[in-house]
PDB file of N, CA and C in Angstrom:
ATOM      1  N   UNK A   1      12.476 -16.866  12.013  1.00  0.00           N
ATOM      2  CA  UNK A   1      11.584 -16.405  10.788  1.00  0.00           C
ATOM      3  C   UNK A   1      12.140 -15.189  10.175  1.00  0.00           C
ATOM      4  N   UNK A   2      11.632 -14.964   8.977  1.00  0.00           N
ATOM      5  CA  UNK A   2      12.026 -14.140   8.191  1.00  0.00           C
ATOM      6  C   UNK A   2      10.902 -13.073   7.734  1.00  0.00           C
ATOM      7  N   UNK A   3      11.183 -11.925   7.307  1.00  0.00           N
ATOM      8  CA  UNK A   3      10.212 -11.182   6.700  1.00  0.00           C
ATOM      9  C   UNK A   3      10.737 -10.731   5.388  1.00  0.00           C
ATOM     10  N   UNK A   4       9.742 -10.326   4.540  1.00  0.00           N
ATOM     11  CA  UNK A   4       9.943  -9.800   3.148  1.00  0.00           C
ATOM     12  C   UNK A   4       9.578  -8.264   3.238  1.00  0.00           C
ATOM     13  N   UNK A   5      10.596  -7.442   2.992  1.00  0.00           N
ATOM     14  CA  UNK A   5      10.472  -6.135   2.944  1.00  0.00           C
ATOM     15  C   UNK A   5      10.712  -5.449   1.767  1.00  0.00           C
ATOM     16  N   UNK A   6      10.301  -4.203   1.445  1.00  0.00           N
ATOM     17  CA  UNK A   6      10.574  -3.261   0.343  1.00  0.00           C
ATOM     18  C   UNK A   6      11.507  -2.196   0.773  1.00  0.00           C
ATOM     19  N   UNK A   7      12.533  -2.026  -0.075  1.00  0.00           N
ATOM     20  CA  UNK A   7      13.550  -0.998   0.190  1.00  0.00           C
ATOM     21  C   UNK A   7      12.721   0.606   0.000  1.00  0.00           C
ATOM     22  N   UNK A   8      12.947   1.329   0.791  1.00  0.00           N
ATOM     23  CA  UNK A   8      12.105   2.428   0.781  1.00  0.00           C
ATOM     24  C   UNK A   8      12.902   3.691  -0.181  1.00  0.00           C
ATOM     25  N   UNK A   9      13.966   3.198  -0.610  1.00  0.00           N
ATOM     26  CA  UNK A   9      14.456   4.277  -1.678  1.00  0.00           C
ATOM     27  C   UNK A   9      14.161   3.552  -3.233  1.00  0.00           C
ATOM     28  N   UNK A  10      14.690   2.324  -3.389  1.00  0.00           N
ATOM     29  CA  UNK A  10      14.481   1.671  -4.721  1.00  0.00           C
ATOM     30  C   UNK A  10      13.337   0.987  -4.851  1.00  0.00           C
ATOM     31  N   UNK A  11      12.656   0.354  -3.946  1.00  0.00           N
ATOM     32  CA  UNK A  11      11.408  -0.455  -4.313  1.00  0.00           C
ATOM     33  C   UNK A  11      11.475  -1.801  -4.260  1.00  0.00           C
ATOM     34  N   UNK A  12      12.773  -2.272  -4.154  1.00  0.00           N
ATOM     35  CA  UNK A  12      13.000  -3.778  -4.348  1.00  0.00           C
ATOM     36  C   UNK A  12      12.715  -4.614  -3.278  1.00  0.00           C
ATOM     37  N   UNK A  13      12.260  -5.880  -3.403  1.00  0.00           N
ATOM     38  CA  UNK A  13      12.094  -6.747  -2.405  1.00  0.00           C
ATOM     39  C   UNK A  13      13.330  -7.452  -1.837  1.00  0.00           C
ATOM     40  N   UNK A  14      13.265  -7.385  -0.435  1.00  0.00           N
ATOM     41  CA  UNK A  14      14.426  -7.869   0.205  1.00  0.00           C
ATOM     42  C   UNK A  14      13.984  -8.881   1.538  1.00  0.00           C
ATOM     43  N   UNK A  15      14.932  -9.642   1.936  1.00  0.00           N
ATOM     44  CA  UNK A  15      14.837 -10.431   3.052  1.00  0.00           C
ATOM     45  C   UNK A  15      15.451 -10.082   4.295  1.00  0.00           C
ATOM     46  N   UNK A  16      15.039 -10.169   5.396  1.00  0.00           N
ATOM     47  CA  UNK A  16      15.394  -9.797   6.549  1.00  0.00           C
ATOM     48  C   UNK A  16      15.161 -10.963   7.807  1.00  0.00           C
ATOM     49  N   UNK A  17      16.012 -11.004   8.676  1.00  0.00           N
ATOM     50  CA  UNK A  17      15.566 -11.868   9.834  1.00  0.00           C
ATOM     51  C   UNK A  17      14.680 -11.133  10.731  1.00  0.00           C
ATOM     52  N   UNK A  18      13.723 -11.917  11.375  1.00  0.00           N
ATOM     53  CA  UNK A  18      12.856 -11.332  12.365  1.00  0.00           C
ATOM     54  C   UNK A  18      13.767 -10.754  13.493  1.00  0.00           C
ATOM     55  N   UNK A  19      13.531  -9.637  14.035  1.00  0.00           N
ATOM     56  CA  UNK A  19      14.475  -8.964  15.006  1.00  0.00           C
ATOM     57  C   UNK A  19      15.659  -8.255  14.620  1.00  0.00           C
ATOM     58  N   UNK A  20      16.018  -8.287  13.253  1.00  0.00           N
ATOM     59  CA  UNK A  20      17.161  -7.589  12.778  1.00  0.00           C
ATOM     60  C   UNK A  20      16.794  -6.123  12.865  1.00  0.00           C
ATOM     61  N   UNK A  21      17.548  -5.273  13.001  1.00  0.00           N
ATOM     62  CA  UNK A  21      17.448  -3.848  13.183  1.00  0.00           C
ATOM     63  C   UNK A  21      17.528  -2.982  11.720  1.00  0.00           C
ATOM     64  N   UNK A  22      18.660  -3.283  11.190  1.00  0.00           N
ATOM     65  CA  UNK A  22      19.110  -2.717  10.100  1.00  0.00           C
ATOM     66  C   UNK A  22      19.505  -3.605   8.866  1.00  0.00           C
ATOM     67  N   UNK A  23      19.245  -3.151   7.705  1.00  0.00           N
ATOM     68  CA  UNK A  23      19.683  -4.001   6.477  1.00  0.00           C
ATOM     69  C   UNK A  23      20.241  -3.009   5.607  1.00  0.00           C
ATOM     70  N   UNK A  24      21.214  -3.409   4.637  1.00  0.00           N
ATOM     71  CA  UNK A  24      21.663  -2.571   3.634  1.00  0.00           C
ATOM     72  C   UNK A  24      21.233  -3.238   2.194  1.00  0.00           C
ATOM     73  N   UNK A  25      20.493  -2.372   1.608  1.00  0.00           N
ATOM     74  CA  UNK A  25      19.869  -2.902   0.355  1.00  0.00           C
ATOM     75  C   UNK A  25      21.011  -3.228  -0.726  1.00  0.00           C
ATOM     76  N   UNK A  26      20.861  -4.552  -1.351  1.00  0.00           N
ATOM     77  CA  UNK A  26      22.121  -4.777  -2.281  1.00  0.00           C
ATOM     78  C   UNK A  26      21.907  -4.122  -3.506  1.00  0.00           C
ATOM     79  N   UNK A  27      20.682  -3.589  -3.760  1.00  0.00           N
ATOM     80  CA  UNK A  27      20.495  -2.831  -5.099  1.00  0.00           C
ATOM     81  C   UNK A  27      20.844  -1.358  -5.136  1.00  0.00           C
ATOM     82  N   UNK A  28      20.673  -0.683  -4.237  1.00  0.00           N
ATOM     83  CA  UNK A  28      20.879   0.762  -4.127  1.00  0.00           C
ATOM     84  C   UNK A  28      21.946   1.202  -2.946  1.00  0.00           C
ATOM     85  N   UNK A  29      22.367   0.137  -2.154  1.00  0.00           N
ATOM     86  CA  UNK A  29      23.010   0.330  -1.005  1.00  0.00           C
ATOM     87  C   UNK A  29      22.695   1.400  -0.137  1.00  0.00           C
ATOM     88  N   UNK A  30      21.423   1.368   0.226  1.00  0.00           N
ATOM     89  CA  UNK A  30      20.868   2.348   1.220  1.00  0.00           C
ATOM     90  C   UNK A  30      20.843   1.546   2.407  1.00  0.00           C
ATOM     91  N   UNK A  31      21.192   2.161   3.435  1.00  0.00           N
ATOM     92  CA  UNK A  31      21.102   1.509   4.900  1.00  0.00           C
ATOM     93  C   UNK A  31      19.444   1.579   5.440  1.00  0.00           C
ATOM     94  N   UNK A  32      18.872   0.503   5.699  1.00  0.00           N
ATOM     95  CA  UNK A  32      17.476   0.680   5.951  1.00  0.00           C
ATOM     96  C   UNK A  32      17.134   0.296   7.527  1.00  0.00           C
ATOM     97  N   UNK A  33      16.468   1.225   7.965  1.00  0.00           N
ATOM     98  CA  UNK A  33      16.093   1.010   9.328  1.00  0.00           C
ATOM     99  C   UNK A  33      14.829  -0.069   9.288  1.00  0.00           C
ATOM    100  N   UNK A  34      14.856  -1.068   9.627  1.00  0.00           N
ATOM    101  CA  UNK A  34      13.555  -2.180   9.350  1.00  0.00           C
ATOM    102  C   UNK A  34      12.373  -1.940  10.022  1.00  0.00           C
ATOM    103  N   UNK A  35      12.446  -1.090  11.042  1.00  0.00           N
ATOM    104  CA  UNK A  35      11.114  -0.514  11.850  1.00  0.00           C
ATOM    105  C   UNK A  35      10.384   0.406  10.677  1.00  0.00           C
ATOM    106  N   UNK A  36      11.004   1.055   9.767  1.00  0.00           N
ATOM    107  CA  UNK A  36      10.489   2.138   8.878  1.00  0.00           C
ATOM    108  C   UNK A  36      10.138   1.518   7.514  1.00  0.00           C
ATOM    109  N   UNK A  37      10.538   0.232   7.392  1.00  0.00           N
ATOM    110  CA  UNK A  37      10.161  -0.397   5.890  1.00  0.00           C
ATOM    111  C   UNK A  37       8.930  -1.124   5.834  1.00  0.00           C
ATOM    112  N   UNK A  38       8.408  -1.176   4.714  1.00  0.00           N
ATOM    113  CA  UNK A  38       7.003  -1.873   4.627  1.00  0.00           C
ATOM    114  C   UNK A  38       7.275  -3.384   4.573  1.00  0.00           C
ATOM    115  N   UNK A  39       6.707  -4.074   5.460  1.00  0.00           N
ATOM    116  CA  UNK A  39       6.737  -5.497   5.550  1.00  0.00           C
ATOM    117  C   UNK A  39       5.637  -6.179   4.800  1.00  0.00           C
ATOM    118  N   UNK A  40       6.003  -6.957   3.791  1.00  0.00           N
ATOM    119  CA  UNK A  40       5.165  -7.505   2.647  1.00  0.00           C
ATOM    120  C   UNK A  40       4.583  -8.963   3.072  1.00  0.00           C
ATOM    121  N   UNK A  41       5.458  -9.736   3.594  1.00  0.00           N
ATOM    122  CA  UNK A  41       5.081 -10.859   3.960  1.00  0.00           C
ATOM    123  C   UNK A  41       6.026 -11.533   4.930  1.00  0.00           C
ATOM    124  N   UNK A  42       5.898 -12.839   5.616  1.00  0.00           N
ATOM    125  CA  UNK A  42       6.753 -13.359   6.500  1.00  0.00           C
ATOM    126  C   UNK A  42       6.708 -14.856   6.271  1.00  0.00           C
ATOM    127  N   UNK A  43       7.791 -15.578   6.527  1.00  0.00           N
ATOM    128  CA  UNK A  43       8.070 -16.896   6.333  1.00  0.00           C
ATOM    129  C   UNK A  43       8.660 -17.534   7.501  1.00  0.00           C
ATOM    130  N   UNK A  44       8.633 -18.789   7.690  1.00  0.00           N
ATOM    131  CA  UNK A  44       9.121 -19.421   8.747  1.00  0.00           C
ATOM    132  C   UNK A  44      10.777 -19.905   8.432  1.00  0.00           C
ATOM    133  N   UNK A  45      11.134 -19.959   7.196  1.00  0.00           N
ATOM    134  CA  UNK A  45      12.474 -20.294   7.141  1.00  0.00           C
ATOM    135  C   UNK A  45      13.125 -19.508   5.732  1.00  0.00           C
ATOM    136  N   UNK A  46      14.166 -19.581   5.407  1.00  0.00           N
ATOM    137  CA  UNK A  46      14.987 -18.771   4.592  1.00  0.00           C
ATOM    138  C   UNK A  46      14.449 -19.341   3.015  1.00  0.00           C
ATOM    139  N   UNK A  47      14.231 -20.552   2.858  1.00  0.00           N
ATOM    140  CA  UNK A  47      13.851 -21.070   1.386  1.00  0.00           C
ATOM    141  C   UNK A  47      12.426 -20.455   1.242  1.00  0.00           C
ATOM    142  N   UNK A  48      11.464 -20.744   2.270  1.00  0.00           N
ATOM    143  CA  UNK A  48      10.023 -20.281   2.003  1.00  0.00           C
ATOM    144  C   UNK A  48      10.080 -18.581   1.555  1.00  0.00           C
ATOM    145  N   UNK A  49      10.980 -17.796   2.334  1.00  0.00           N
ATOM    146  CA  UNK A  49      11.050 -16.383   2.086  1.00  0.00           C
ATOM    147  C   UNK A  49      11.736 -16.104   0.609  1.00  0.00           C
ATOM    148  N   UNK A  50      12.588 -17.069   0.297  1.00  0.00           N
ATOM    149  CA  UNK A  50      13.105 -16.616  -1.255  1.00  0.00           C
ATOM    150  C   UNK A  50      11.994 -17.169  -2.230  1.00  0.00           C
ATOM    151  N   UNK A  51      11.324 -17.925  -1.911  1.00  0.00           N
ATOM    152  CA  UNK A  51      10.287 -18.268  -2.978  1.00  0.00           C
ATOM    153  C   UNK A  51       9.214 -17.187  -2.866  1.00  0.00           C
ATOM    154  N   UNK A  52       8.901 -16.520  -1.774  1.00  0.00           N
ATOM    155  CA  UNK A  52       7.827 -15.602  -1.684  1.00  0.00           C
ATOM    156  C   UNK A  52       8.412 -14.117  -2.520  1.00  0.00           C
ATOM    157  N   UNK A  53       9.878 -14.040  -2.224  1.00  0.00           N
ATOM    158  CA  UNK A  53      10.450 -12.912  -2.997  1.00  0.00           C
ATOM    159  C   UNK A  53      10.529 -13.196  -4.567  1.00  0.00           C
ATOM    160  N   UNK A  54      10.659 -14.290  -4.843  1.00  0.00           N
ATOM    161  CA  UNK A  54      10.681 -14.688  -6.440  1.00  0.00           C
ATOM    162  C   UNK A  54       9.243 -14.462  -6.984  1.00  0.00           C
ATOM    163  N   UNK A  55       8.220 -14.935  -6.286  1.00  0.00           N
ATOM    164  CA  UNK A  55       6.909 -14.949  -6.674  1.00  0.00           C
ATOM    165  C   UNK A  55       6.394 -13.304  -6.711  1.00  0.00           C
ATOM    166  N   UNK A  56       6.803 -12.433  -5.772  1.00  0.00           N
ATOM    167  CA  UNK A  56       6.538 -11.149  -5.739  1.00  0.00           C
ATOM    168  C   UNK A  56       7.267 -10.444  -6.942  1.00  0.00           C
ATOM    169  N   UNK A  57       8.334 -10.682  -7.304  1.00  0.00           N
ATOM    170  CA  UNK A  57       9.076 -10.181  -8.353  1.00  0.00           C
ATOM    171  C   UNK A  57       8.481 -10.554  -9.693  1.00  0.00           C
ATOM    172  N   UNK A  58       8.092 -11.693  -9.732  1.00  0.00           N
ATOM    173  CA  UNK A  58       7.226 -12.196 -11.110  1.00  0.00           C
ATOM    174  C   UNK A  58       5.890 -11.518 -11.143  1.00  0.00           C
ATOM    175  N   UNK A  59       5.364 -11.173 -10.204  1.00  0.00           N
ATOM    176  CA  UNK A  59       3.935 -10.531 -10.185  1.00  0.00           C
ATOM    177  C   UNK A  59       4.249  -9.046 -10.596  1.00  0.00           C
ATOM    178  N   UNK A  60       5.214  -8.694  -9.935  1.00  0.00           N
ATOM    179  CA  UNK A  60       5.474  -7.152 -10.286  1.00  0.00           C
ATOM    180  C   UNK A  60       5.907  -7.071 -11.883  1.00  0.00           C
ATOM    181  N   UNK A  61       6.702  -7.874 -12.357  1.00  0.00           N
ATOM    182  CA  UNK A  61       7.117  -7.926 -13.782  1.00  0.00           C
ATOM    183  C   UNK A  61       6.061  -8.109 -14.647  1.00  0.00           C
ATOM    184  N   UNK A  62       5.279  -9.083 -14.410  1.00  0.00           N
ATOM    185  CA  UNK A  62       3.941  -9.400 -15.278  1.00  0.00           C
ATOM    186  C   UNK A  62       2.936  -8.044 -15.311  1.00  0.00           C
ATOM    187  N   UNK A  63       2.804  -7.530 -14.028  1.00  0.00           N
ATOM    188  CA  UNK A  63       1.911  -6.153 -13.997  1.00  0.00           C
ATOM    189  C   UNK A  63       2.482  -5.033 -14.629  1.00  0.00           C
ATOM    190  N   UNK A  64       3.891  -5.142 -14.799  1.00  0.00           N
ATOM    191  CA  UNK A  64       4.511  -4.084 -15.502  1.00  0.00           C
ATOM    192  C   UNK A  64       4.373  -4.123 -17.003  1.00  0.00           C
ATOM    193  N   UNK A  65       4.434  -5.397 -17.432  1.00  0.00           N
ATOM    194  CA  UNK A  65       4.425  -5.614 -18.877  1.00  0.00           C
ATOM    195  C   UNK A  65       3.025  -5.469 -19.250  1.00  0.00           C
ATOM    196  N   UNK A  66       1.936  -5.315 -18.639  1.00  0.00           N
ATOM    197  CA  UNK A  66       0.703  -5.109 -19.093  1.00  0.00           C
ATOM    198  C   UNK A  66       0.452  -3.753 -19.533  1.00  0.00           C
TER     199      UNK A  66
END
């Protein structure tokens, strides 16, 4: 399973596997402790998780444009 999280430094959406302890944000290079991150969504597989991230980014972009 996968979770969609947000980086607590730059706010970008990221994917992580369930049970993973840390993740490095590819946008700001911050090492994230996953128990401290905000979990936004969960998915059964990587493709579903990627689709969720894309949808969240589009929602954020359209809200920002208004």
